[in-house]
């Protein structure tokens, strides 16, 4: 869990941004203090290191050779006092001969680090150490070490015999670190004290800048609160920063959906009032007739039959209105659906109504276990689609006209190569004129010249459900050259693989004998015909085939 500087029960955008800005700032501040201390120590060492080097180089002038050719060192008392003259720190020196013998100065110098190589002759080496004095004190000191040759001008004869190492003198000068610490402290004060003033000012500026930066969100909130409940106009995305524009765009999309939902609800209420007004008025009139005095039993029976038919029409209209609302506004839950099995169930449900009208109702096409029988969709809405097509065909197909029996056929055709499944409902009724084929898909539109009962909602429901499933629907004559042309509704879906089976590889292009993949108006070659579900003549109902 991320550590938060300011903890809150509810997340705050202001607090989140403030956390991410102040937390690194407050964490970096002590790191800055440490780095400043190191830099100050380095700066403070430089001038005093140069002074130590100068002192060591001055001592080299006092190193020489005696009469026997051995290194010698002589420091006058005045020079010693001048070397040690320091009001703050203590200065120590040490002179050692070629074999490490003490030639002058203090003996308590710390030995050099064994891991470090000896400095070349004439080169200065600086290090830190602890000086042990004769009084038992241990002092932190800065040490400079310098190796030189005693009497370089007189070493020519020794150099020719390789005896230079016997004339090497080591000079060390040490100084306590009091002045260095004081200088480093002064540097730190000079750097850090302004930060104690700058840091609060920075915090205030960050607070003000952040408050001003999120002000457009508050203004947007006020504009939304000031709106009336029925104001569903989109928000102006140009009046907000670019970073907030996607949020405003999403809110506008939500407003559009809410506007569409409100429009659908208003239309639903208006449609429901329009559709229920006539049946309810009929029910009221039939009830008034039944309540009249002197009504015979036969008249009362006829009135009750009329009331029953009116109530059935009202119930049918309500169911269709609910189906339309569900198709337009409902959340579409997609599941694998076996279309032959689903359509067989719908045909069996509609079979009693077809038998009452003496209409031969049947099913043909592929079986539930055949290839290409599955689509992805909502099974309830798909059943509603097929049921409305079959009901529409039963309503507008006469039982026996001109010696032709009424026939309604539901079929499923499949092209496994083109991954297309087509649902068709065909009848031999009067058909629909070409000029009305687009109008019949509009709500409450009904063709003139027929006495069939209907609300004008079945085909609009079919189109809406097909649209929600990404399917296309076409309408054409079933028998263009016949006296009763009939109607052929075709709904074209994209088929899927059966559940539990891996997707099939890409299929080759369909042959010319498979016109199903050539366009929505093409008539596919039907699969082997399965027995009809039922007919009014002599075929008994056949139960659906078992699942594959």
Protein backbone atom coordinates (compact mmCIF):
# COMPACT_ATOMS: atom_id res chain seq x y z
CA UNK A 1 0.00 0.00 0.00
CA UNK A 2 1.39 3.38 -0.97
CA UNK A 3 2.26 5.63 1.90
CA UNK A 4 0.20 8.78 1.81
CA UNK A 5 1.13 12.00 3.49
CA UNK A 6 -2.45 13.06 3.98
CA UNK A 7 -4.83 10.19 4.68
CA UNK A 8 -8.53 10.61 3.96
CA UNK A 9 -11.56 8.33 4.10
CA UNK A 10 -12.58 9.38 0.60
CA UNK A 11 -10.15 9.99 -2.23
CA UNK A 12 -9.66 13.62 -3.18
CA UNK A 13 -8.11 14.75 -6.43
CA UNK A 14 -6.70 17.82 -4.69
CA UNK A 15 -5.23 15.66 -1.95
CA UNK A 16 -3.83 13.09 -4.39
CA UNK A 17 -1.98 15.73 -6.40
CA UNK A 18 -0.79 17.42 -3.21
CA UNK A 19 0.51 14.11 -1.89
CA UNK A 20 2.46 13.38 -5.04
CA UNK A 21 3.99 16.88 -5.02
CA UNK A 22 4.77 17.37 -1.34
CA UNK A 23 5.88 13.86 -0.45
CA UNK A 24 8.87 13.82 -2.84
CA UNK A 25 9.68 17.39 -1.86
CA UNK A 26 9.81 16.58 1.85
CA UNK A 27 11.76 13.38 1.22
CA UNK A 28 14.32 15.13 -0.97
CA UNK A 29 14.89 17.91 1.54
CA UNK A 30 16.92 15.85 4.08
CA UNK A 31 18.79 14.25 1.15
CA UNK A 32 19.63 17.77 0.02
CA UNK A 33 20.90 18.54 3.53
CA UNK A 34 23.24 15.56 3.43
CA UNK A 35 24.55 16.39 -0.02
CA UNK A 36 25.06 20.01 1.01
CA UNK A 37 27.08 18.90 4.05
CA UNK A 38 29.35 16.76 1.88
CA UNK A 39 29.85 19.57 -0.63
CA UNK A 40 30.54 22.03 2.20
CA UNK A 41 33.17 19.70 3.69
CA UNK A 42 34.88 19.44 0.31
CA UNK A 43 34.85 23.19 -0.16
CA UNK A 44 36.14 23.82 3.36
CA UNK A 45 39.03 21.37 2.89
CA UNK A 46 40.48 22.99 -0.21
CA UNK A 47 42.00 26.22 1.24
CA UNK A 48 43.34 24.51 4.34
CA UNK A 49 44.72 21.65 2.29
CA UNK A 50 46.67 24.16 0.22
CA UNK A 51 48.05 25.70 3.42
CA UNK A 52 49.16 22.25 4.64
CA UNK A 53 50.86 21.53 1.33
CA UNK A 54 52.69 24.83 1.49
CA UNK A 55 53.89 23.99 5.00
CA UNK A 56 55.15 20.58 3.86
CA UNK A 57 56.93 22.11 0.90
CA UNK A 58 58.52 24.70 3.17
CA UNK A 59 59.93 21.89 5.35
CA UNK A 60 61.58 20.35 2.29
CA UNK A 61 63.89 23.36 2.20
CA UNK A 62 65.29 22.28 5.57
CA UNK A 63 66.28 18.81 4.40
CA UNK A 64 69.89 18.40 3.24
CA UNK A 65 73.02 16.23 3.34
CA UNK A 66 75.67 16.09 6.00
CA UNK A 67 79.43 15.77 5.41
CA UNK A 68 79.20 11.97 5.26
CA UNK A 69 76.52 12.09 2.56
CA UNK A 70 73.63 11.14 4.86
CA UNK A 71 70.26 12.95 4.91
CA UNK A 72 69.91 15.58 7.59
CA UNK A 73 67.16 17.87 8.91
CA UNK A 74 67.49 21.05 10.93
CA UNK A 75 64.54 23.20 12.09
CA UNK A 76 65.33 26.45 13.88
CA UNK A 77 63.16 27.24 16.93
CA UNK A 78 61.80 30.37 15.24
CA UNK A 79 60.62 28.33 12.27
CA UNK A 80 59.04 25.75 14.59
CA UNK A 81 57.11 28.44 16.44
CA UNK A 82 55.99 30.00 13.17
CA UNK A 83 54.82 26.60 11.90
CA UNK A 84 52.76 25.94 14.97
CA UNK A 85 51.35 29.46 15.26
CA UNK A 86 47.59 28.89 14.89
CA UNK A 87 44.94 30.29 17.26
CA UNK A 88 42.33 27.65 16.45
CA UNK A 89 43.87 24.37 15.33
CA UNK A 90 46.95 22.41 16.36
CA UNK A 91 49.66 21.71 13.77
CA UNK A 92 52.04 18.74 13.94
CA UNK A 93 54.89 17.62 11.69
CA UNK A 94 57.09 14.61 11.31
CA UNK A 95 60.35 13.94 9.37
CA UNK A 96 61.43 10.36 8.75
CA UNK A 97 64.56 9.13 7.04
CA UNK A 98 65.06 6.51 4.34
CA UNK A 99 64.75 3.65 6.83
CA UNK A 100 61.81 5.13 8.73
CA UNK A 101 63.89 6.63 11.51
CA UNK A 102 62.47 9.75 13.16
CA UNK A 103 64.50 12.79 12.18
CA UNK A 104 62.25 15.46 13.70
CA UNK A 105 58.77 16.30 14.92
CA UNK A 106 56.16 14.14 16.71
CA UNK A 107 56.16 10.38 16.75
CA UNK A 108 52.35 9.86 17.13
CA UNK A 109 51.45 10.14 13.45
CA UNK A 110 49.10 7.43 12.21
CA UNK A 111 50.73 5.12 9.69
CA UNK A 112 49.51 5.37 6.10
CA UNK A 113 46.93 2.96 4.77
CA UNK A 114 48.66 -0.25 3.72
CA UNK A 115 46.27 -0.63 0.79
CA UNK A 116 47.45 2.64 -0.71
CA UNK A 117 50.71 2.75 -2.66
CA UNK A 118 53.47 5.10 -1.59
CA UNK A 119 53.24 8.43 -3.37
CA UNK A 120 55.91 9.10 -6.00
CA UNK A 121 58.77 11.37 -5.03
CA UNK A 122 57.69 14.98 -5.17
CA UNK A 123 53.93 14.18 -5.23
CA UNK A 124 51.63 15.21 -2.39
CA UNK A 125 49.21 12.75 -0.80
CA UNK A 126 46.31 13.83 1.49
CA UNK A 127 44.46 11.65 3.97
CA UNK A 128 42.42 11.76 7.18
CA UNK A 129 43.57 10.14 10.41
CA UNK A 130 43.68 10.17 14.19
CA UNK A 131 46.65 11.80 15.92
CA UNK A 132 47.77 10.45 19.30
CA UNK A 133 49.54 13.12 21.37
CA UNK A 134 51.80 12.68 24.34
CA UNK A 135 49.03 13.83 26.67
CA UNK A 136 46.93 10.80 25.73
CA UNK A 137 44.66 12.77 23.41
CA UNK A 138 43.26 11.47 20.16
CA UNK A 139 42.61 14.18 17.62
CA UNK A 140 40.96 14.00 14.18
CA UNK A 141 43.48 15.50 11.82
CA UNK A 142 44.06 16.18 8.16
CA UNK A 143 47.46 14.86 7.03
CA UNK A 144 49.58 15.77 4.03
CA UNK A 145 52.49 13.44 3.08
CA UNK A 146 55.36 14.36 0.78
CA UNK A 147 58.42 12.25 -0.21
CA UNK A 148 61.54 14.12 -1.38
CA UNK A 149 65.25 13.46 -2.01
CA UNK A 150 67.80 14.88 0.41
CA UNK A 151 70.18 17.20 -1.44
CA UNK A 152 69.05 16.48 -5.00
CA UNK A 153 72.01 18.43 -6.49
CA UNK A 154 74.50 16.20 -4.76
CA UNK A 155 72.88 12.88 -5.72
CA UNK A 156 74.39 12.43 -9.14
CA UNK A 157 77.02 9.92 -8.01
CA UNK A 158 74.41 7.96 -6.02
CA UNK A 159 71.93 7.95 -8.90
CA UNK A 160 74.52 6.28 -11.13
CA UNK A 161 74.83 3.44 -8.60
CA UNK A 162 71.01 3.18 -7.98
CA UNK A 163 71.22 4.44 -4.41
CA UNK A 164 68.50 7.10 -4.62
CA UNK A 165 66.22 5.12 -2.31
CA UNK A 166 68.75 5.59 0.47
CA UNK A 167 68.26 9.37 0.35
CA UNK A 168 64.40 9.49 0.40
CA UNK A 169 62.91 11.67 3.12
CA UNK A 170 59.19 11.46 4.15
CA UNK A 171 57.63 14.70 5.42
CA UNK A 172 54.19 14.71 7.08
CA UNK A 173 52.23 17.71 8.34
CA UNK A 174 48.93 17.30 10.26
CA UNK A 175 46.32 19.79 11.36
CA UNK A 176 43.20 19.43 13.45
CA UNK A 177 39.85 20.06 11.74
CA UNK A 178 38.35 22.82 13.86
CA UNK A 179 38.60 25.60 11.25
CA UNK A 180 37.33 23.25 8.55
CA UNK A 181 34.23 22.34 10.59
CA UNK A 182 33.54 25.99 11.31
CA UNK A 183 33.82 26.89 7.62
CA UNK A 184 31.62 23.96 6.57
CA UNK A 185 29.03 24.99 9.15
CA UNK A 186 29.04 28.52 7.84
CA UNK A 187 28.57 27.27 4.31
CA UNK A 188 25.66 25.05 5.35
CA UNK A 189 24.04 27.93 7.22
CA UNK A 190 24.43 30.13 4.19
CA UNK A 191 22.80 27.52 1.96
CA UNK A 192 20.16 25.98 4.21
CA UNK A 193 18.83 29.00 6.05
CA UNK A 194 17.30 30.45 2.86
CA UNK A 195 15.67 27.08 2.26
CA UNK A 196 13.75 27.38 5.51
CA UNK A 197 12.23 30.53 4.03
CA UNK A 198 11.85 29.21 0.50
CA UNK A 199 10.21 25.90 1.51
CA UNK A 200 7.09 27.44 3.17
CA UNK A 201 6.76 29.88 0.30
CA UNK A 202 6.99 26.94 -2.13
CA UNK A 203 4.28 25.06 -0.23
CA UNK A 204 1.97 28.09 -0.34
CA UNK A 205 2.60 28.58 -4.07
CA UNK A 206 1.93 24.89 -4.75
CA UNK A 207 -1.32 25.12 -2.79
CA UNK A 208 -2.44 28.23 -4.68
CA UNK A 209 -1.43 26.81 -8.08
CA UNK A 210 -3.19 23.53 -7.38
CA UNK A 211 -6.33 25.32 -6.18
CA UNK A 212 -6.37 27.42 -9.34
CA UNK A 213 -5.63 24.39 -11.52
CA UNK A 214 -8.65 22.39 -10.31
CA UNK A 215 -10.97 25.41 -10.29
CA UNK A 216 -12.46 24.41 -13.71
CA UNK A 217 -13.70 21.19 -12.09
CA UNK A 218 -15.58 23.22 -9.49
CA UNK A 219 -17.02 25.46 -12.21
CA UNK A 220 -18.11 22.38 -14.15
CA UNK A 221 -19.75 21.03 -11.01
CA UNK A 222 -21.65 24.28 -10.49
CA UNK A 223 -22.87 24.29 -14.11
CA UNK A 224 -24.16 20.74 -13.74
CA UNK A 225 -25.88 21.56 -10.43
CA UNK A 226 -27.51 24.65 -11.91
CA UNK A 227 -29.20 22.59 -14.64
CA UNK A 228 -32.87 21.79 -14.52
CA UNK A 229 -33.83 18.10 -14.30
CA UNK A 230 -35.17 18.08 -17.87
CA UNK A 231 -32.11 19.80 -19.38
CA UNK A 232 -30.28 17.05 -21.30
CA UNK A 233 -28.26 19.28 -23.60
CA UNK A 234 -24.55 18.37 -23.92
CA UNK A 235 -21.92 20.14 -21.86
CA UNK A 236 -19.55 22.57 -23.55
CA UNK A 237 -16.20 20.79 -23.73
CA UNK A 238 -14.41 23.93 -24.95
CA UNK A 239 -14.78 25.70 -21.61
CA UNK A 240 -12.74 23.11 -19.69
CA UNK A 241 -9.04 22.22 -19.87
CA UNK A 242 -7.86 19.66 -22.40
CA UNK A 243 -7.26 17.08 -19.64
CA UNK A 244 -10.92 17.29 -18.56
CA UNK A 245 -12.32 17.14 -22.11
CA UNK A 246 -12.44 13.29 -22.18
CA UNK A 247 -14.45 13.34 -18.94
CA UNK A 248 -16.87 15.89 -20.40
CA UNK A 249 -17.11 13.78 -23.56
CA UNK A 250 -18.01 10.71 -21.51
CA UNK A 251 -20.61 12.71 -19.57
CA UNK A 252 -22.08 13.93 -22.86
CA UNK A 253 -22.29 10.34 -24.11
CA UNK A 254 -24.11 9.40 -20.92
CA UNK A 255 -26.46 12.38 -21.39
CA UNK A 256 -27.16 11.25 -24.96
CA UNK A 257 -28.00 7.75 -23.75
CA UNK A 258 -30.22 9.15 -21.04
CA UNK A 259 -31.90 11.41 -23.61
CA UNK A 260 -32.51 8.42 -25.87
CA UNK A 261 -33.81 6.41 -22.92
CA UNK A 262 -36.16 9.22 -21.92
CA UNK A 263 -37.38 9.52 -25.51
CA UNK A 264 -37.97 5.77 -25.66
CA UNK A 265 -39.86 5.86 -22.39
CA UNK A 266 -42.04 8.73 -23.58
CA UNK A 267 -42.71 6.93 -26.84
CA UNK A 268 -43.47 3.73 -24.93
CA UNK A 269 -46.00 5.51 -22.75
CA UNK A 270 -47.59 7.18 -25.75
CA UNK A 271 -47.70 3.90 -27.67
CA UNK A 272 -49.11 2.05 -24.70
CA UNK A 273 -51.82 4.67 -24.24
CA UNK A 274 -52.62 4.55 -27.96
CA UNK A 275 -52.72 0.78 -28.15
CA UNK A 276 -54.72 0.22 -24.97
CA UNK A 277 -57.24 2.96 -25.58
CA UNK A 278 -59.27 1.07 -28.18
CA UNK A 279 -59.37 -2.35 -26.42
CA UNK A 280 -60.23 -0.74 -23.09
CA UNK A 281 -63.00 1.30 -24.71
CA UNK A 282 -64.33 -1.89 -26.29
CA UNK A 283 -64.23 -3.66 -22.96
CA UNK A 284 -66.13 -0.81 -21.34
CA UNK A 285 -68.78 -0.87 -24.06
CA UNK A 286 -69.18 -4.64 -23.89
CA UNK A 287 -69.47 -4.46 -20.12
CA UNK A 288 -72.19 -1.79 -20.43
CA UNK A 289 -74.06 -4.01 -22.89
CA UNK A 290 -73.84 -6.98 -20.54
CA UNK A 291 -75.23 -4.89 -17.70
CA UNK A 292 -78.34 -3.85 -19.62
CA UNK A 293 -81.63 -5.17 -18.37
CA UNK A 294 -83.45 -7.65 -20.54
CA UNK A 295 -80.28 -9.17 -21.99
CA UNK A 296 -80.81 -12.76 -23.03
CA UNK A 297 -78.42 -15.57 -22.20
CA UNK A 298 -77.32 -15.84 -25.82
CA UNK A 299 -76.57 -12.10 -26.00
CA UNK A 300 -74.71 -12.26 -22.70
CA UNK A 301 -72.59 -15.16 -23.98
CA UNK A 302 -71.75 -13.24 -27.15
CA UNK A 303 -70.82 -10.18 -25.10
CA UNK A 304 -68.53 -12.22 -22.86
CA UNK A 305 -66.82 -13.67 -25.95
CA UNK A 306 -66.22 -10.16 -27.23
CA UNK A 307 -64.82 -9.15 -23.85
CA UNK A 308 -62.47 -12.16 -23.95
CA UNK A 309 -61.22 -11.30 -27.44
CA UNK A 310 -60.71 -7.66 -26.48
CA UNK A 311 -58.74 -8.64 -23.39
CA UNK A 312 -56.58 -10.98 -25.49
CA UNK A 313 -55.83 -8.17 -27.95
CA UNK A 314 -54.98 -5.84 -25.08
CA UNK A 315 -52.69 -8.48 -23.53
CA UNK A 316 -51.01 -9.08 -26.89
CA UNK A 317 -50.45 -5.35 -27.39
CA UNK A 318 -48.95 -5.00 -23.90
CA UNK A 319 -46.62 -7.96 -24.52
CA UNK A 320 -45.47 -6.48 -27.81
CA UNK A 321 -44.91 -3.08 -26.26
CA UNK A 322 -42.82 -4.68 -23.52
CA UNK A 323 -40.87 -6.66 -26.11
CA UNK A 324 -40.20 -3.46 -28.07
CA UNK A 325 -38.99 -1.70 -24.92
CA UNK A 326 -36.78 -4.65 -24.00
CA UNK A 327 -35.30 -4.79 -27.49
CA UNK A 328 -34.51 -1.05 -27.52
CA UNK A 329 -33.30 -0.45 -23.98
CA UNK A 330 -32.39 -3.74 -22.40
CA UNK A 331 -28.84 -4.93 -21.79
CA UNK A 332 -28.02 -7.54 -24.39
CA UNK A 333 -26.55 -10.62 -22.74
CA UNK A 334 -24.96 -12.70 -25.49
CA UNK A 335 -24.89 -16.47 -25.23
CA UNK A 336 -24.34 -19.28 -27.74
CA UNK A 337 -27.75 -20.13 -29.20
CA UNK A 338 -28.72 -23.16 -31.27
CA UNK A 339 -31.05 -21.61 -33.85
CA UNK A 340 -32.69 -24.78 -35.19
CA UNK A 341 -33.62 -25.91 -31.68
CA UNK A 342 -34.82 -22.41 -30.75
CA UNK A 343 -36.99 -22.03 -33.88
CA UNK A 344 -38.48 -25.51 -33.46
CA UNK A 345 -39.62 -24.52 -29.96
CA UNK A 346 -41.24 -21.36 -31.29
CA UNK A 347 -42.99 -23.29 -34.09
CA UNK A 348 -44.36 -25.81 -31.60
CA UNK A 349 -45.66 -22.96 -29.40
CA UNK A 350 -47.43 -21.34 -32.38
CA UNK A 351 -48.79 -24.64 -33.72
CA UNK A 352 -52.16 -24.55 -31.82
CA UNK A 353 -52.95 -21.10 -33.18
CA UNK A 354 -52.09 -22.25 -36.70
CA UNK A 355 -54.32 -25.30 -36.29
CA UNK A 356 -57.20 -23.08 -35.17
CA UNK A 357 -56.87 -21.10 -38.42
CA UNK A 358 -56.39 -24.29 -40.50
CA UNK A 359 -52.93 -23.21 -41.57
CA UNK A 360 -50.19 -25.70 -42.33
CA UNK A 361 -47.24 -24.65 -40.14
CA UNK A 362 -43.91 -26.49 -40.43
CA UNK A 363 -40.16 -26.33 -40.12
CA UNK A 364 -37.44 -27.27 -42.58
CA UNK A 365 -33.70 -26.80 -42.81
CA UNK A 366 -30.71 -27.91 -40.81
CA UNK A 367 -30.96 -29.81 -37.57
CA UNK A 368 -29.63 -28.78 -34.14
CA UNK A 369 -26.56 -30.99 -34.54
CA UNK A 370 -25.60 -29.85 -38.04
CA UNK A 371 -22.67 -27.65 -38.92
CA UNK A 372 -23.23 -23.89 -38.66
CA UNK A 373 -26.29 -24.12 -36.38
CA UNK A 374 -25.03 -21.75 -33.65
CA UNK A 375 -25.16 -17.98 -33.35
CA UNK A 376 -24.23 -15.61 -30.52
CA UNK A 377 -27.13 -13.65 -29.09
CA UNK A 378 -29.83 -13.35 -26.48
CA UNK A 379 -32.08 -16.44 -26.62
CA UNK A 380 -35.16 -14.61 -25.28
CA UNK A 381 -34.93 -11.84 -27.89
CA UNK A 382 -34.15 -14.29 -30.69
CA UNK A 383 -37.24 -16.30 -29.80
CA UNK A 384 -39.23 -13.07 -29.79
CA UNK A 385 -37.90 -12.28 -33.27
CA UNK A 386 -38.97 -15.64 -34.71
CA UNK A 387 -42.31 -15.61 -32.85
CA UNK A 388 -43.26 -12.22 -34.28
CA UNK A 389 -42.39 -13.35 -37.81
CA UNK A 390 -44.45 -16.54 -37.43
CA UNK A 391 -47.38 -14.65 -35.80
CA UNK A 392 -47.32 -12.09 -38.58
CA UNK A 393 -47.40 -14.85 -41.21
CA UNK A 394 -50.30 -16.62 -39.45
CA UNK A 395 -52.27 -13.37 -39.11
CA UNK A 396 -52.05 -12.39 -42.76
CA UNK A 397 -52.26 -15.81 -44.40
CA UNK A 398 -55.82 -16.90 -45.25
CA UNK A 399 -56.77 -20.48 -44.36
CA UNK A 400 -58.16 -21.36 -47.79
CA UNK A 401 -58.39 -18.87 -50.62
CA UNK A 402 -58.86 -19.68 -54.29
CA UNK A 403 -58.42 -23.35 -53.57
CA UNK A 404 -54.97 -22.81 -52.02
CA UNK A 405 -54.47 -23.95 -48.40
CA UNK A 406 -52.70 -21.56 -46.04
CA UNK A 407 -49.05 -22.52 -45.49
CA UNK A 408 -46.37 -21.02 -43.24
CA UNK A 409 -42.82 -22.41 -43.22
CA UNK A 410 -39.95 -21.54 -40.89
CA UNK A 411 -36.52 -22.66 -41.99
CA UNK A 412 -32.86 -22.34 -41.07
CA UNK A 413 -30.19 -22.36 -43.79
CA UNK A 414 -26.47 -22.39 -43.15
CA UNK A 415 -23.29 -21.75 -45.08
CA UNK A 416 -20.46 -23.13 -42.88
CA UNK A 417 -17.80 -21.85 -45.28
CA UNK A 418 -19.09 -18.28 -45.28
CA UNK A 419 -20.00 -18.54 -41.56
CA UNK A 420 -23.53 -17.33 -42.33
CA UNK A 421 -26.81 -18.56 -40.87
CA UNK A 422 -30.12 -17.46 -42.39
CA UNK A 423 -33.52 -17.64 -40.69
CA UNK A 424 -36.49 -17.52 -43.07
CA UNK A 425 -40.24 -17.37 -42.51
CA UNK A 426 -42.30 -17.91 -45.67
CA UNK A 427 -46.06 -17.80 -46.25
CA UNK A 428 -48.40 -17.99 -49.25
CA UNK A 429 -50.56 -15.03 -48.25
CA UNK A 430 -51.34 -11.96 -50.36
CA UNK A 431 -47.83 -10.59 -49.91
CA UNK A 432 -46.70 -7.01 -49.37
CA UNK A 433 -46.50 -4.46 -52.18
CA UNK A 434 -42.94 -3.20 -52.94
CA UNK A 435 -43.93 0.35 -51.98
CA UNK A 436 -44.91 -0.76 -48.46
CA UNK A 437 -42.01 -3.08 -47.64
CA UNK A 438 -40.08 -0.38 -45.84
CA UNK A 439 -43.15 1.09 -44.16
CA UNK A 440 -44.21 -2.18 -42.48
CA UNK A 441 -41.11 -1.99 -40.29
CA UNK A 442 -42.29 1.30 -38.77
CA UNK A 443 -44.28 1.16 -35.49
CA UNK A 444 -48.10 1.00 -35.82
CA UNK A 445 -48.05 0.82 -39.59
CA UNK A 446 -50.56 -1.68 -40.98
CA UNK A 447 -51.30 -2.57 -44.58
CA UNK A 448 -54.75 -1.61 -45.76
CA UNK A 449 -57.27 -3.90 -47.34
CA UNK A 450 -57.15 -6.79 -44.86
CA UNK A 451 -59.14 -7.62 -41.80
CA UNK A 452 -56.34 -9.21 -39.79
CA UNK A 453 -55.92 -8.24 -36.19
CA UNK A 454 -52.65 -6.64 -35.29
CA UNK A 455 -50.97 -3.76 -33.53
CA UNK A 456 -48.35 -2.84 -36.10
CA UNK A 457 -45.53 -3.62 -33.66
CA UNK A 458 -44.43 -7.12 -34.64
CA UNK A 459 -42.16 -6.27 -37.57
CA UNK A 460 -40.60 -3.20 -35.88
CA UNK A 461 -39.70 -5.51 -32.98
CA UNK A 462 -38.13 -7.94 -35.46
CA UNK A 463 -36.00 -5.21 -37.07
CA UNK A 464 -34.85 -3.82 -33.69
CA UNK A 465 -33.84 -7.25 -32.38
CA UNK A 466 -32.00 -7.99 -35.62
CA UNK A 467 -30.17 -4.65 -35.35
CA UNK A 468 -29.12 -5.39 -31.77
CA UNK A 469 -27.61 -8.70 -32.96
CA UNK A 470 -25.83 -7.23 -35.96
CA UNK A 471 -28.13 -9.08 -38.35
CA UNK A 472 -29.81 -7.85 -41.55
CA UNK A 473 -33.42 -8.46 -42.54
CA UNK A 474 -34.87 -8.49 -46.06
CA UNK A 475 -38.43 -8.83 -47.37
CA UNK A 476 -39.38 -10.17 -50.80
CA UNK A 477 -42.09 -12.13 -52.60
CA UNK A 478 -42.13 -15.83 -51.83
CA UNK A 479 -43.70 -16.72 -55.22
CA UNK A 480 -43.30 -13.69 -57.54
CA UNK A 481 -45.25 -15.30 -60.42
CA UNK A 482 -48.07 -16.83 -58.38
CA UNK A 483 -51.50 -15.31 -57.80
CA UNK A 484 -50.79 -15.22 -54.07
CA UNK A 485 -47.23 -14.02 -54.03
CA UNK A 486 -46.78 -14.50 -50.33
CA UNK A 487 -44.02 -12.95 -48.22
CA UNK A 488 -40.49 -14.20 -47.48
CA UNK A 489 -38.67 -12.68 -44.51
CA UNK A 490 -34.93 -13.48 -44.31
CA UNK A 491 -32.75 -12.63 -41.31
CA UNK A 492 -29.03 -13.07 -41.89
CA UNK A 493 -26.78 -13.85 -38.88
CA UNK A 494 -23.09 -14.59 -38.43
CA UNK A 495 -22.65 -18.17 -37.26
CA UNK A 496 -20.18 -19.31 -34.58
CA UNK A 497 -18.57 -22.58 -33.60
CA UNK A 498 -20.42 -24.79 -31.13
CA UNK A 499 -19.57 -24.19 -27.45
CA UNK A 500 -16.64 -26.20 -26.21
CA UNK A 501 -14.99 -26.51 -29.61
CA UNK A 502 -11.96 -24.59 -30.76
CA UNK A 503 -12.57 -22.06 -33.53
CA UNK A 504 -12.28 -23.63 -36.94
CA UNK A 505 -9.53 -22.45 -39.29
CA UNK A 506 -10.27 -20.04 -42.06
CA UNK A 507 -12.48 -21.78 -44.59
CA UNK A 508 -11.88 -21.60 -48.34
CA UNK A 509 -13.97 -19.38 -50.51
CA UNK A 510 -17.44 -20.83 -51.17
CA UNK A 511 -18.12 -22.44 -54.50
CA UNK A 512 -20.46 -20.88 -57.06
CA UNK A 513 -23.12 -23.34 -55.94
CA UNK A 514 -23.34 -21.70 -52.54
CA UNK A 515 -25.03 -18.32 -53.18
CA UNK A 516 -25.65 -17.71 -49.45
CA UNK A 517 -22.35 -15.82 -49.09
CA UNK A 518 -22.98 -13.61 -52.12
CA UNK A 519 -25.21 -11.06 -50.42
CA UNK A 520 -28.17 -10.62 -48.16
CA UNK A 521 -30.65 -11.04 -51.03
CA UNK A 522 -29.21 -14.31 -52.25
CA UNK A 523 -31.20 -17.48 -51.60
CA UNK A 524 -28.96 -20.21 -50.23
CA UNK A 525 -29.17 -23.80 -51.19
CA UNK A 526 -31.29 -25.41 -48.47
CA UNK A 527 -29.93 -28.16 -46.37
CA UNK A 528 -31.64 -31.51 -46.35
CA UNK A 529 -35.16 -31.00 -45.16
CA UNK A 530 -36.02 -32.24 -41.71
CA UNK A 531 -39.53 -33.39 -40.90
CA UNK A 532 -42.00 -30.62 -40.35
CA UNK A 533 -42.79 -29.73 -36.81
CA UNK A 534 -46.45 -29.91 -37.46
CA UNK A 535 -49.24 -29.14 -39.87
CA UNK A 536 -52.95 -28.66 -39.79
CA UNK A 537 -53.59 -31.38 -42.30
CA UNK A 538 -52.17 -34.67 -41.22
CA UNK A 539 -48.70 -34.23 -39.69
CA UNK A 540 -48.62 -34.54 -35.89
CA UNK A 541 -46.24 -32.37 -33.86
CA UNK A 542 -42.68 -33.65 -33.72
CA UNK A 543 -40.59 -32.86 -30.64
CA UNK A 544 -37.37 -30.90 -31.16
CA UNK A 545 -34.27 -32.84 -32.02
CA UNK A 546 -31.93 -33.55 -29.08
CA UNK A 547 -29.00 -31.22 -28.53
CA UNK A 548 -25.80 -31.93 -30.31
